[in-house]
Amino acid sequence: MHRLLAAALTCVAAAILAVGAAVGVVSLLSATPEQPNVPLVYFPEHSPEEARSSDAAAPAEE
């Protein structure tokens, strides 16, 4: 009976430790600061008509 009680208490302690670790990891992941939404690449702004006219004016490749 003594071993059974020790095994049961060990299982309960392991479960409590696992739940505590999971809650700790989730709280650490939620505590990350917000990242700025800044694009790394900027494209020049132009209208689609300008893009079509510049494509037509481009020299043909051979």
Protein backbone atom coordinates (compact mmCIF):
# COMPACT_ATOMS: atom_id res chain seq x y z
CA MET A 1 0.00 0.00 0.00
CA HIS A 2 2.89 2.32 0.80
CA ARG A 3 4.35 1.94 -2.72
CA LEU A 4 0.98 2.52 -4.34
CA LEU A 5 0.55 5.78 -2.43
CA ALA A 6 4.06 6.91 -3.39
CA ALA A 7 3.39 6.10 -7.06
CA ALA A 8 0.08 7.97 -7.01
CA LEU A 9 1.65 11.02 -5.38
CA THR A 10 4.48 10.95 -7.92
CA CYS A 11 1.97 10.89 -10.79
CA VAL A 12 0.01 13.77 -9.30
CA ALA A 13 3.18 15.81 -8.76
CA ALA A 14 4.33 15.12 -12.35
CA ALA A 15 0.95 16.17 -13.73
CA ILE A 16 0.98 19.40 -11.72
CA LEU A 17 4.52 20.13 -12.89
CA ALA A 18 3.56 19.50 -16.52
CA VAL A 19 0.53 21.78 -16.31
CA GLY A 20 2.60 24.48 -14.64
CA ALA A 21 5.28 24.25 -17.33
CA ALA A 22 2.66 24.46 -20.09
CA VAL A 23 1.03 27.53 -18.52
CA GLY A 24 4.46 29.12 -18.10
CA VAL A 25 5.39 28.55 -21.75
CA VAL A 26 2.09 29.96 -22.97
CA SER A 27 2.47 33.07 -20.80
CA LEU A 28 6.02 33.59 -22.08
CA LEU A 29 4.88 33.30 -25.69
CA SER A 30 2.03 35.73 -25.08
CA ALA A 31 4.41 38.27 -23.51
CA THR A 32 6.37 38.93 -26.72
CA PRO A 33 6.24 42.56 -27.85
CA GLU A 34 4.33 43.56 -30.95
CA GLN A 35 6.47 43.67 -34.07
CA PRO A 36 6.19 46.74 -36.32
CA ASN A 37 4.50 46.11 -39.63
CA VAL A 38 7.11 47.79 -41.82
CA PRO A 39 7.67 46.39 -45.31
CA LEU A 40 11.21 45.43 -46.22
CA VAL A 41 10.78 46.25 -49.92
CA TYR A 42 9.26 49.41 -51.34
CA PHE A 43 7.92 49.61 -54.88
CA PRO A 44 7.41 52.89 -56.72
CA GLU A 45 3.81 53.90 -56.92
CA HIS A 46 2.38 54.32 -60.40
CA SER A 47 -0.86 53.71 -62.21
CA PRO A 48 -1.46 50.58 -64.33
CA GLU A 49 -1.61 52.76 -67.47
CA GLU A 50 1.98 53.92 -66.87
CA ALA A 51 3.08 50.31 -66.49
CA ARG A 52 1.51 49.33 -69.83
CA SER A 53 3.04 52.28 -71.69
CA SER A 54 6.50 51.62 -70.23
CA ASP A 55 6.25 47.93 -71.27
CA ALA A 56 5.42 48.92 -74.83
CA ALA A 57 8.32 51.39 -74.97
CA ALA A 58 10.86 48.84 -73.79
CA PRO A 59 13.21 47.55 -76.49
CA ALA A 60 12.58 44.03 -77.72
CA GLU A 61 15.07 41.39 -76.71
CA GLU A 62 16.59 39.18 -79.38
